[in-house]
Amino acid sequence: MKKELDDSLNISLKSMEPDLTVSLRKEAIDKGWPEELASYLNVRIKDKAILVSYEDAVADQIEDLEYGSKIEGPKPVLRFFASKNQEVIANKISEWSVNYLFEKGILP
């Protein structure tokens, strides 16, 4: 039963990844990141936490944008995105919980 619940919740949370990825990329571009680099950003949800990933090939460039370089100051996006959107995850978990209780007939 617990595995069924976990699987169902994980599927529900994973359905949020595409929209969160679009939101993260837009936020990066709005903060002045080059669109090409922002396109490498991806959001994954694991264990009810938001994780941001990108390819190793662009890691140095992305980290320079996020943390700053000798030439340019930081344009932080990644550090704040997960914490800012954690409430979205909590709301999705709440929504899923209520829906599950109705679907199983636990709530009338």
PDB file of N, CA and C in Angstrom:
ATOM      1  N   MET A   1       0.824  -1.196   0.000  1.00  0.00           N
ATOM      2  CA  MET A   1       0.000   0.000   0.000  1.00  0.00           C
ATOM      3  C   MET A   1       0.865   1.256   0.000  1.00  0.00           C
ATOM      4  N   LYS A   2       1.919   1.282   0.862  1.00  0.00           N
ATOM      5  CA  LYS A   2       2.776   2.464   0.927  1.00  0.00           C
ATOM      6  C   LYS A   2       3.468   2.706  -0.413  1.00  0.00           C
ATOM      7  N   LYS A   3       3.939   1.641  -1.060  1.00  0.00           N
ATOM      8  CA  LYS A   3       4.593   1.801  -2.358  1.00  0.00           C
ATOM      9  C   LYS A   3       3.606   2.376  -3.383  1.00  0.00           C
ATOM     10  N   GLU A   4       2.375   1.905  -3.348  1.00  0.00           N
ATOM     11  CA  GLU A   4       1.347   2.421  -4.257  1.00  0.00           C
ATOM     12  C   GLU A   4       1.144   3.921  -4.026  1.00  0.00           C
ATOM     13  N   LEU A   5       1.099   4.326  -2.761  1.00  0.00           N
ATOM     14  CA  LEU A   5       0.936   5.745  -2.432  1.00  0.00           C
ATOM     15  C   LEU A   5       2.141   6.549  -2.912  1.00  0.00           C
ATOM     16  N   ASP A   6       3.332   6.064  -2.610  1.00  0.00           N
ATOM     17  CA  ASP A   6       4.552   6.761  -3.027  1.00  0.00           C
ATOM     18  C   ASP A   6       4.626   6.896  -4.543  1.00  0.00           C
ATOM     19  N   ASP A   7       4.319   5.806  -5.245  1.00  0.00           N
ATOM     20  CA  ASP A   7       4.360   5.838  -6.711  1.00  0.00           C
ATOM     21  C   ASP A   7       3.361   6.843  -7.265  1.00  0.00           C
ATOM     22  N   SER A   8       2.165   6.837  -6.720  1.00  0.00           N
ATOM     23  CA  SER A   8       1.125   7.755  -7.185  1.00  0.00           C
ATOM     24  C   SER A   8       1.535   9.211  -6.936  1.00  0.00           C
ATOM     25  N   LEU A   9       2.056   9.481  -5.757  1.00  0.00           N
ATOM     26  CA  LEU A   9       2.496  10.838  -5.439  1.00  0.00           C
ATOM     27  C   LEU A   9       3.655  11.254  -6.335  1.00  0.00           C
ATOM     28  N   ASN A  10       4.621  10.369  -6.546  1.00  0.00           N
ATOM     29  CA  ASN A  10       5.770  10.699  -7.391  1.00  0.00           C
ATOM     30  C   ASN A  10       5.350  11.004  -8.821  1.00  0.00           C
ATOM     31  N   ILE A  11       4.388  10.259  -9.341  1.00  0.00           N
ATOM     32  CA  ILE A  11       3.886  10.528 -10.688  1.00  0.00           C
ATOM     33  C   ILE A  11       3.244  11.919 -10.737  1.00  0.00           C
ATOM     34  N   SER A  12       2.488  12.236  -9.714  1.00  0.00           N
ATOM     35  CA  SER A  12       1.839  13.546  -9.648  1.00  0.00           C
ATOM     36  C   SER A  12       2.881  14.669  -9.587  1.00  0.00           C
ATOM     37  N   LEU A  13       3.900  14.493  -8.757  1.00  0.00           N
ATOM     38  CA  LEU A  13       4.937  15.522  -8.634  1.00  0.00           C
ATOM     39  C   LEU A  13       5.760  15.641  -9.912  1.00  0.00           C
ATOM     40  N   LYS A  14       6.085  14.514 -10.523  1.00  0.00           N
ATOM     41  CA  LYS A  14       6.880  14.545 -11.756  1.00  0.00           C
ATOM     42  C   LYS A  14       6.141  15.275 -12.875  1.00  0.00           C
ATOM     43  N   SER A  15       4.811  15.262 -12.828  1.00  0.00           N
ATOM     44  CA  SER A  15       4.040  15.959 -13.862  1.00  0.00           C
ATOM     45  C   SER A  15       4.278  17.469 -13.821  1.00  0.00           C
ATOM     46  N   MET A  16       4.839  17.957 -12.728  1.00  0.00           N
ATOM     47  CA  MET A  16       5.115  19.386 -12.583  1.00  0.00           C
ATOM     48  C   MET A  16       6.441  19.794 -13.214  1.00  0.00           C
ATOM     49  N   GLU A  17       7.319  18.839 -13.482  1.00  0.00           N
ATOM     50  CA  GLU A  17       8.663  19.153 -13.959  1.00  0.00           C
ATOM     51  C   GLU A  17       8.693  20.014 -15.226  1.00  0.00           C
ATOM     52  N   PRO A  18       7.904  19.700 -16.260  1.00  0.00           N
ATOM     53  CA  PRO A  18       7.974  20.544 -17.467  1.00  0.00           C
ATOM     54  C   PRO A  18       7.615  22.010 -17.209  1.00  0.00           C
ATOM     55  N   ASP A  19       6.558  22.267 -16.457  1.00  0.00           N
ATOM     56  CA  ASP A  19       6.166  23.652 -16.177  1.00  0.00           C
ATOM     57  C   ASP A  19       7.210  24.366 -15.322  1.00  0.00           C
ATOM     58  N   LEU A  20       7.763  23.663 -14.349  1.00  0.00           N
ATOM     59  CA  LEU A  20       8.805  24.275 -13.522  1.00  0.00           C
ATOM     60  C   LEU A  20      10.066  24.545 -14.333  1.00  0.00           C
ATOM     61  N   THR A  21      10.382  23.666 -15.271  1.00  0.00           N
ATOM     62  CA  THR A  21      11.547  23.890 -16.140  1.00  0.00           C
ATOM     63  C   THR A  21      11.347  25.147 -16.979  1.00  0.00           C
ATOM     64  N   VAL A  22      10.174  25.302 -17.558  1.00  0.00           N
ATOM     65  CA  VAL A  22       9.871  26.507 -18.351  1.00  0.00           C
ATOM     66  C   VAL A  22       9.993  27.752 -17.473  1.00  0.00           C
ATOM     67  N   SER A  23       9.466  27.677 -16.264  1.00  0.00           N
ATOM     68  CA  SER A  23       9.520  28.806 -15.336  1.00  0.00           C
ATOM     69  C   SER A  23      10.961  29.158 -14.964  1.00  0.00           C
ATOM     70  N   LEU A  24      11.769  28.143 -14.692  1.00  0.00           N
ATOM     71  CA  LEU A  24      13.178  28.377 -14.347  1.00  0.00           C
ATOM     72  C   LEU A  24      13.922  29.016 -15.510  1.00  0.00           C
ATOM     73  N   ARG A  25      13.736  28.500 -16.687  1.00  0.00           N
ATOM     74  CA  ARG A  25      14.424  29.063 -17.860  1.00  0.00           C
ATOM     75  C   ARG A  25      14.018  30.508 -18.103  1.00  0.00           C
ATOM     76  N   LYS A  26      12.728  30.806 -17.960  1.00  0.00           N
ATOM     77  CA  LYS A  26      12.253  32.177 -18.144  1.00  0.00           C
ATOM     78  C   LYS A  26      12.864  33.103 -17.099  1.00  0.00           C
ATOM     79  N   GLU A  27      12.907  32.628 -15.862  1.00  0.00           N
ATOM     80  CA  GLU A  27      13.484  33.442 -14.799  1.00  0.00           C
ATOM     81  C   GLU A  27      14.963  33.721 -15.064  1.00  0.00           C
ATOM     82  N   ALA A  28      15.684  32.713 -15.528  1.00  0.00           N
ATOM     83  CA  ALA A  28      17.107  32.902 -15.842  1.00  0.00           C
ATOM     84  C   ALA A  28      17.285  33.943 -16.945  1.00  0.00           C
ATOM     85  N   ILE A  29      16.490  33.840 -17.985  1.00  0.00           N
ATOM     86  CA  ILE A  29      16.572  34.808 -19.089  1.00  0.00           C
ATOM     87  C   ILE A  29      16.210  36.207 -18.591  1.00  0.00           C
ATOM     88  N   ASP A  30      15.180  36.311 -17.766  1.00  0.00           N
ATOM     89  CA  ASP A  30      14.777  37.606 -17.205  1.00  0.00           C
ATOM     90  C   ASP A  30      15.877  38.219 -16.348  1.00  0.00           C
ATOM     91  N   LYS A  31      16.715  37.375 -15.730  1.00  0.00           N
ATOM     92  CA  LYS A  31      17.827  37.871 -14.899  1.00  0.00           C
ATOM     93  C   LYS A  31      19.072  38.188 -15.722  1.00  0.00           C
ATOM     94  N   GLY A  32      18.979  37.990 -17.042  1.00  0.00           N
ATOM     95  CA  GLY A  32      20.096  38.345 -17.907  1.00  0.00           C
ATOM     96  C   GLY A  32      20.953  37.189 -18.377  1.00  0.00           C
ATOM     97  N   TRP A  33      20.513  35.974 -18.124  1.00  0.00           N
ATOM     98  CA  TRP A  33      21.256  34.824 -18.628  1.00  0.00           C
ATOM     99  C   TRP A  33      21.038  34.716 -20.135  1.00  0.00           C
ATOM    100  N   PRO A  34      22.069  34.294 -20.884  1.00  0.00           N
ATOM    101  CA  PRO A  34      21.857  34.044 -22.315  1.00  0.00           C
ATOM    102  C   PRO A  34      20.828  32.923 -22.512  1.00  0.00           C
ATOM    103  N   GLU A  35      19.950  33.115 -23.466  1.00  0.00           N
ATOM    104  CA  GLU A  35      18.888  32.133 -23.717  1.00  0.00           C
ATOM    105  C   GLU A  35      19.465  30.747 -23.990  1.00  0.00           C
ATOM    106  N   GLU A  36      20.585  30.707 -24.705  1.00  0.00           N
ATOM    107  CA  GLU A  36      21.207  29.411 -25.036  1.00  0.00           C
ATOM    108  C   GLU A  36      21.594  28.644 -23.768  1.00  0.00           C
ATOM    109  N   LEU A  37      22.163  29.330 -22.782  1.00  0.00           N
ATOM    110  CA  LEU A  37      22.544  28.649 -21.536  1.00  0.00           C
ATOM    111  C   LEU A  37      21.317  28.304 -20.703  1.00  0.00           C
ATOM    112  N   ALA A  38      20.341  29.182 -20.678  1.00  0.00           N
ATOM    113  CA  ALA A  38      19.120  28.906 -19.920  1.00  0.00           C
ATOM    114  C   ALA A  38      18.429  27.654 -20.450  1.00  0.00           C
ATOM    115  N   SER A  39      18.578  27.393 -21.743  1.00  0.00           N
ATOM    116  CA  SER A  39      17.910  26.228 -22.341  1.00  0.00           C
ATOM    117  C   SER A  39      18.477  24.905 -21.831  1.00  0.00           C
ATOM    118  N   TYR A  40      19.628  24.937 -21.192  1.00  0.00           N
ATOM    119  CA  TYR A  40      20.224  23.721 -20.623  1.00  0.00           C
ATOM    120  C   TYR A  40      19.682  23.387 -19.232  1.00  0.00           C
ATOM    121  N   LEU A  41      18.967  24.308 -18.631  1.00  0.00           N
ATOM    122  CA  LEU A  41      18.455  24.093 -17.279  1.00  0.00           C
ATOM    123  C   LEU A  41      17.239  23.171 -17.295  1.00  0.00           C
ATOM    124  N   ASN A  42      17.215  22.235 -16.366  1.00  0.00           N
ATOM    125  CA  ASN A  42      16.094  21.301 -16.232  1.00  0.00           C
ATOM    126  C   ASN A  42      15.747  21.139 -14.764  1.00  0.00           C
ATOM    127  N   VAL A  43      14.459  21.024 -14.487  1.00  0.00           N
ATOM    128  CA  VAL A  43      13.997  20.805 -13.119  1.00  0.00           C
ATOM    129  C   VAL A  43      13.584  19.351 -12.978  1.00  0.00           C
ATOM    130  N   ARG A  44      14.029  18.753 -11.882  1.00  0.00           N
ATOM    131  CA  ARG A  44      13.625  17.396 -11.513  1.00  0.00           C
ATOM    132  C   ARG A  44      13.105  17.452 -10.086  1.00  0.00           C
ATOM    133  N   ILE A  45      12.129  16.630  -9.802  1.00  0.00           N
ATOM    134  CA  ILE A  45      11.618  16.535  -8.437  1.00  0.00           C
ATOM    135  C   ILE A  45      11.950  15.150  -7.927  1.00  0.00           C
ATOM    136  N   LYS A  46      12.661  15.126  -6.809  1.00  0.00           N
ATOM    137  CA  LYS A  46      13.071  13.858  -6.211  1.00  0.00           C
ATOM    138  C   LYS A  46      12.883  13.959  -4.713  1.00  0.00           C
ATOM    139  N   ASP A  47      12.214  12.977  -4.157  1.00  0.00           N
ATOM    140  CA  ASP A  47      11.961  12.956  -2.706  1.00  0.00           C
ATOM    141  C   ASP A  47      11.328  14.260  -2.231  1.00  0.00           C
ATOM    142  N   LYS A  48      10.388  14.758  -3.012  1.00  0.00           N
ATOM    143  CA  LYS A  48       9.613  15.970  -2.696  1.00  0.00           C
ATOM    144  C   LYS A  48      10.471  17.235  -2.672  1.00  0.00           C
ATOM    145  N   ALA A  49      11.635  17.182  -3.316  1.00  0.00           N
ATOM    146  CA  ALA A  49      12.517  18.350  -3.382  1.00  0.00           C
ATOM    147  C   ALA A  49      12.760  18.717  -4.842  1.00  0.00           C
ATOM    148  N   ILE A  50      12.945  19.996  -5.086  1.00  0.00           N
ATOM    149  CA  ILE A  50      13.232  20.490  -6.425  1.00  0.00           C
ATOM    150  C   ILE A  50      14.739  20.477  -6.638  1.00  0.00           C
ATOM    151  N   LEU A  51      15.156  19.826  -7.720  1.00  0.00           N
ATOM    152  CA  LEU A  51      16.567  19.775  -8.094  1.00  0.00           C
ATOM    153  C   LEU A  51      16.715  20.398  -9.475  1.00  0.00           C
ATOM    154  N   VAL A  52      17.792  21.142  -9.664  1.00  0.00           N
ATOM    155  CA  VAL A  52      18.078  21.732 -10.965  1.00  0.00           C
ATOM    156  C   VAL A  52      19.285  21.014 -11.541  1.00  0.00           C
ATOM    157  N   SER A  53      19.172  20.615 -12.803  1.00  0.00           N
ATOM    158  CA  SER A  53      20.299  19.949 -13.451  1.00  0.00           C
ATOM    159  C   SER A  53      20.625  20.653 -14.761  1.00  0.00           C
ATOM    160  N   TYR A  54      21.857  20.413 -15.220  1.00  0.00           N
ATOM    161  CA  TYR A  54      22.330  20.930 -16.503  1.00  0.00           C
ATOM    162  C   TYR A  54      23.517  20.076 -16.908  1.00  0.00           C
ATOM    163  N   GLU A  55      23.858  20.137 -18.176  1.00  0.00           N
ATOM    164  CA  GLU A  55      24.930  19.307 -18.713  1.00  0.00           C
ATOM    165  C   GLU A  55      26.296  19.783 -18.221  1.00  0.00           C
ATOM    166  N   ASP A  56      27.178  18.828 -18.015  1.00  0.00           N
ATOM    167  CA  ASP A  56      28.539  19.148 -17.575  1.00  0.00           C
ATOM    168  C   ASP A  56      29.257  20.083 -18.547  1.00  0.00           C
ATOM    169  N   ALA A  57      28.920  19.984 -19.822  1.00  0.00           N
ATOM    170  CA  ALA A  57      29.589  20.794 -20.843  1.00  0.00           C
ATOM    171  C   ALA A  57      29.400  22.296 -20.626  1.00  0.00           C
ATOM    172  N   VAL A  58      28.327  22.678 -19.955  1.00  0.00           N
ATOM    173  CA  VAL A  58      28.062  24.104 -19.727  1.00  0.00           C
ATOM    174  C   VAL A  58      28.131  24.464 -18.238  1.00  0.00           C
ATOM    175  N   ALA A  59      28.598  23.558 -17.420  1.00  0.00           N
ATOM    176  CA  ALA A  59      28.611  23.769 -15.969  1.00  0.00           C
ATOM    177  C   ALA A  59      29.400  25.014 -15.569  1.00  0.00           C
ATOM    178  N   ASP A  60      30.586  25.201 -16.132  1.00  0.00           N
ATOM    179  CA  ASP A  60      31.401  26.367 -15.760  1.00  0.00           C
ATOM    180  C   ASP A  60      30.705  27.668 -16.114  1.00  0.00           C
ATOM    181  N   GLN A  61      30.100  27.733 -17.289  1.00  0.00           N
ATOM    182  CA  GLN A  61      29.409  28.951 -17.709  1.00  0.00           C
ATOM    183  C   GLN A  61      28.200  29.230 -16.813  1.00  0.00           C
ATOM    184  N   ILE A  62      27.450  28.193 -16.492  1.00  0.00           N
ATOM    185  CA  ILE A  62      26.271  28.368 -15.645  1.00  0.00           C
ATOM    186  C   ILE A  62      26.683  28.764 -14.234  1.00  0.00           C
ATOM    187  N   GLU A  63      27.721  28.145 -13.713  1.00  0.00           N
ATOM    188  CA  GLU A  63      28.178  28.492 -12.365  1.00  0.00           C
ATOM    189  C   GLU A  63      28.751  29.907 -12.316  1.00  0.00           C
ATOM    190  N   ASP A  64      29.391  30.356 -13.397  1.00  0.00           N
ATOM    191  CA  ASP A  64      29.846  31.750 -13.453  1.00  0.00           C
ATOM    192  C   ASP A  64      28.670  32.716 -13.425  1.00  0.00           C
ATOM    193  N   LEU A  65      27.591  32.378 -14.115  1.00  0.00           N
ATOM    194  CA  LEU A  65      26.412  33.235 -14.087  1.00  0.00           C
ATOM    195  C   LEU A  65      25.777  33.225 -12.696  1.00  0.00           C
ATOM    196  N   GLU A  66      25.675  32.061 -12.115  1.00  0.00           N
ATOM    197  CA  GLU A  66      25.016  31.917 -10.813  1.00  0.00           C
ATOM    198  C   GLU A  66      25.813  32.567  -9.684  1.00  0.00           C
ATOM    199  N   TYR A  67      27.114  32.340  -9.668  1.00  0.00           N
ATOM    200  CA  TYR A  67      27.949  32.786  -8.541  1.00  0.00           C
ATOM    201  C   TYR A  67      28.845  33.971  -8.872  1.00  0.00           C
ATOM    202  N   GLY A  68      28.904  34.352 -10.134  1.00  0.00           N
ATOM    203  CA  GLY A  68      29.758  35.448 -10.551  1.00  0.00           C
ATOM    204  C   GLY A  68      31.123  34.940 -10.984  1.00  0.00           C
ATOM    205  N   SER A  69      31.827  35.805 -11.683  1.00  0.00           N
ATOM    206  CA  SER A  69      33.172  35.482 -12.155  1.00  0.00           C
ATOM    207  C   SER A  69      34.073  36.672 -11.868  1.00  0.00           C
ATOM    208  N   LYS A  70      35.310  36.575 -12.295  1.00  0.00           N
ATOM    209  CA  LYS A  70      36.239  37.699 -12.103  1.00  0.00           C
ATOM    210  C   LYS A  70      35.796  38.920 -12.910  1.00  0.00           C
ATOM    211  N   ILE A  71      35.048  38.672 -13.964  1.00  0.00           N
ATOM    212  CA  ILE A  71      34.636  39.738 -14.871  1.00  0.00           C
ATOM    213  C   ILE A  71      33.248  40.288 -14.537  1.00  0.00           C
ATOM    214  N   GLU A  72      32.344  39.418 -14.111  1.00  0.00           N
ATOM    215  CA  GLU A  72      30.949  39.805 -13.947  1.00  0.00           C
ATOM    216  C   GLU A  72      30.401  39.319 -12.609  1.00  0.00           C
ATOM    217  N   GLY A  73      29.535  40.122 -12.013  1.00  0.00           N
ATOM    218  CA  GLY A  73      28.896  39.751 -10.755  1.00  0.00           C
ATOM    219  C   GLY A  73      27.874  38.645 -10.944  1.00  0.00           C
ATOM    220  N   PRO A  74      27.420  38.076  -9.836  1.00  0.00           N
ATOM    221  CA  PRO A  74      26.456  36.965  -9.924  1.00  0.00           C
ATOM    222  C   PRO A  74      25.079  37.421 -10.402  1.00  0.00           C
ATOM    223  N   LYS A  75      24.418  36.506 -11.074  1.00  0.00           N
ATOM    224  CA  LYS A  75      23.014  36.664 -11.476  1.00  0.00           C
ATOM    225  C   LYS A  75      22.294  35.429 -10.942  1.00  0.00           C
ATOM    226  N   PRO A  76      22.104  35.378  -9.619  1.00  0.00           N
ATOM    227  CA  PRO A  76      21.579  34.148  -9.008  1.00  0.00           C
ATOM    228  C   PRO A  76      20.144  33.838  -9.421  1.00  0.00           C
ATOM    229  N   VAL A  77      19.955  32.606  -9.807  1.00  0.00           N
ATOM    230  CA  VAL A  77      18.638  32.097 -10.155  1.00  0.00           C
ATOM    231  C   VAL A  77      18.432  30.749  -9.473  1.00  0.00           C
ATOM    232  N   LEU A  78      19.393  29.863  -9.641  1.00  0.00           N
ATOM    233  CA  LEU A  78      19.259  28.484  -9.179  1.00  0.00           C
ATOM    234  C   LEU A  78      19.102  28.392  -7.666  1.00  0.00           C
ATOM    235  N   ARG A  79      19.881  29.184  -6.936  1.00  0.00           N
ATOM    236  CA  ARG A  79      19.871  29.097  -5.465  1.00  0.00           C
ATOM    237  C   ARG A  79      18.517  29.454  -4.871  1.00  0.00           C
ATOM    238  N   PHE A  80      17.801  30.325  -5.542  1.00  0.00           N
ATOM    239  CA  PHE A  80      16.529  30.787  -4.993  1.00  0.00           C
ATOM    240  C   PHE A  80      15.321  30.075  -5.585  1.00  0.00           C
ATOM    241  N   PHE A  81      15.495  29.494  -6.763  1.00  0.00           N
ATOM    242  CA  PHE A  81      14.358  28.891  -7.450  1.00  0.00           C
ATOM    243  C   PHE A  81      13.735  27.758  -6.636  1.00  0.00           C
ATOM    244  N   ALA A  82      14.554  26.864  -6.149  1.00  0.00           N
ATOM    245  CA  ALA A  82      14.020  25.697  -5.422  1.00  0.00           C
ATOM    246  C   ALA A  82      13.284  26.124  -4.162  1.00  0.00           C
ATOM    247  N   SER A  83      13.898  26.992  -3.381  1.00  0.00           N
ATOM    248  CA  SER A  83      13.237  27.395  -2.135  1.00  0.00           C
ATOM    249  C   SER A  83      11.969  28.196  -2.410  1.00  0.00           C
ATOM    250  N   LYS A  84      12.018  29.032  -3.445  1.00  0.00           N
ATOM    251  CA  LYS A  84      10.854  29.846  -3.797  1.00  0.00           C
ATOM    252  C   LYS A  84       9.687  28.976  -4.266  1.00  0.00           C
ATOM    253  N   ASN A  85       9.988  27.860  -4.899  1.00  0.00           N
ATOM    254  CA  ASN A  85       8.939  27.008  -5.453  1.00  0.00           C
ATOM    255  C   ASN A  85       8.613  25.807  -4.577  1.00  0.00           C
ATOM    256  N   GLN A  86       9.234  25.703  -3.420  1.00  0.00           N
ATOM    257  CA  GLN A  86       8.932  24.581  -2.533  1.00  0.00           C
ATOM    258  C   GLN A  86       7.469  24.617  -2.082  1.00  0.00           C
ATOM    259  N   GLU A  87       6.910  25.804  -1.971  1.00  0.00           N
ATOM    260  CA  GLU A  87       5.494  25.928  -1.613  1.00  0.00           C
ATOM    261  C   GLU A  87       4.600  25.333  -2.700  1.00  0.00           C
ATOM    262  N   VAL A  88       5.023  25.452  -3.955  1.00  0.00           N
ATOM    263  CA  VAL A  88       4.279  24.858  -5.062  1.00  0.00           C
ATOM    264  C   VAL A  88       4.233  23.340  -4.883  1.00  0.00           C
ATOM    265  N   ILE A  89       5.335  22.757  -4.463  1.00  0.00           N
ATOM    266  CA  ILE A  89       5.402  21.315  -4.212  1.00  0.00           C
ATOM    267  C   ILE A  89       4.459  20.955  -3.053  1.00  0.00           C
ATOM    268  N   ALA A  90       4.513  21.720  -1.987  1.00  0.00           N
ATOM    269  CA  ALA A  90       3.650  21.453  -0.828  1.00  0.00           C
ATOM    270  C   ALA A  90       2.177  21.525  -1.225  1.00  0.00           C
ATOM    271  N   ASN A  91       1.826  22.505  -2.050  1.00  0.00           N
ATOM    272  CA  ASN A  91       0.438  22.625  -2.503  1.00  0.00           C
ATOM    273  C   ASN A  91       0.033  21.434  -3.367  1.00  0.00           C
ATOM    274  N   LYS A  92       0.936  20.971  -4.209  1.00  0.00           N
ATOM    275  CA  LYS A  92       0.639  19.817  -5.065  1.00  0.00           C
ATOM    276  C   LYS A  92       0.448  18.561  -4.212  1.00  0.00           C
ATOM    277  N   ILE A  93       1.255  18.405  -3.174  1.00  0.00           N
ATOM    278  CA  ILE A  93       1.109  17.258  -2.276  1.00  0.00           C
ATOM    279  C   ILE A  93      -0.246  17.319  -1.579  1.00  0.00           C
ATOM    280  N   SER A  94      -0.633  18.498  -1.124  1.00  0.00           N
ATOM    281  CA  SER A  94      -1.941  18.661  -0.475  1.00  0.00           C
ATOM    282  C   SER A  94      -3.070  18.331  -1.436  1.00  0.00           C
ATOM    283  N   GLU A  95      -2.980  18.848  -2.648  1.00  0.00           N
ATOM    284  CA  GLU A  95      -4.005  18.584  -3.663  1.00  0.00           C
ATOM    285  C   GLU A  95      -4.088  17.082  -3.957  1.00  0.00           C
ATOM    286  N   TRP A  96      -2.922  16.454  -4.130  1.00  0.00           N
ATOM    287  CA  TRP A  96      -2.891  15.017  -4.403  1.00  0.00           C
ATOM    288  C   TRP A  96      -3.519  14.239  -3.247  1.00  0.00           C
ATOM    289  N   SER A  97      -3.210  14.632  -2.021  1.00  0.00           N
ATOM    290  CA  SER A  97      -3.732  13.923  -0.845  1.00  0.00           C
ATOM    291  C   SER A  97      -5.251  13.964  -0.800  1.00  0.00           C
ATOM    292  N   VAL A  98      -5.816  15.134  -1.006  1.00  0.00           N
ATOM    293  CA  VAL A  98      -7.274  15.268  -0.984  1.00  0.00           C
ATOM    294  C   VAL A  98      -7.897  14.460  -2.120  1.00  0.00           C
ATOM    295  N   ASN A  99      -7.332  14.567  -3.322  1.00  0.00           N
ATOM    296  CA  ASN A  99      -7.848  13.801  -4.457  1.00  0.00           C
ATOM    297  C   ASN A  99      -7.783  12.302  -4.187  1.00  0.00           C
ATOM    298  N   TYR A 100      -6.691  11.857  -3.603  1.00  0.00           N
ATOM    299  CA  TYR A 100      -6.535  10.430  -3.308  1.00  0.00           C
ATOM    300  C   TYR A 100      -7.599   9.968  -2.318  1.00  0.00           C
ATOM    301  N   LEU A 101      -7.839  10.757  -1.294  1.00  0.00           N
ATOM    302  CA  LEU A 101      -8.847  10.396  -0.291  1.00  0.00           C
ATOM    303  C   LEU A 101     -10.249  10.320  -0.906  1.00  0.00           C
ATOM    304  N   PHE A 102     -10.550  11.227  -1.842  1.00  0.00           N
ATOM    305  CA  PHE A 102     -11.845  11.163  -2.527  1.00  0.00           C
ATOM    306  C   PHE A 102     -11.925   9.952  -3.458  1.00  0.00           C
ATOM    307  N   GLU A 103     -10.852   9.729  -4.220  1.00  0.00           N
ATOM    308  CA  GLU A 103     -10.852   8.604  -5.156  1.00  0.00           C
ATOM    309  C   GLU A 103     -11.023   7.265  -4.450  1.00  0.00           C
ATOM    310  N   LYS A 104     -10.447   7.126  -3.279  1.00  0.00           N
ATOM    311  CA  LYS A 104     -10.516   5.854  -2.534  1.00  0.00           C
ATOM    312  C   LYS A 104     -11.777   5.752  -1.674  1.00  0.00           C
ATOM    313  N   GLY A 105     -12.608   6.802  -1.711  1.00  0.00           N
ATOM    314  CA  GLY A 105     -13.856   6.773  -0.957  1.00  0.00           C
ATOM    315  C   GLY A 105     -13.678   6.986   0.527  1.00  0.00           C
ATOM    316  N   ILE A 106     -12.524   7.445   0.927  1.00  0.00           N
ATOM    317  CA  ILE A 106     -12.277   7.706   2.350  1.00  0.00           C
ATOM    318  C   ILE A 106     -13.009   8.971   2.783  1.00  0.00           C
ATOM    319  N   LEU A 107     -13.034   9.953   1.874  1.00  0.00           N
ATOM    320  CA  LEU A 107     -13.834  11.173   2.099  1.00  0.00           C
ATOM    321  C   LEU A 107     -15.044  11.106   1.184  1.00  0.00           C
ATOM    322  N   PRO A 108     -16.193  11.542   1.708  1.00  0.00           N
ATOM    323  CA  PRO A 108     -17.415  11.488   0.874  1.00  0.00           C
ATOM    324  C   PRO A 108     -17.431  12.554  -0.216  1.00  0.00           C
TER     325      PRO A 108
END
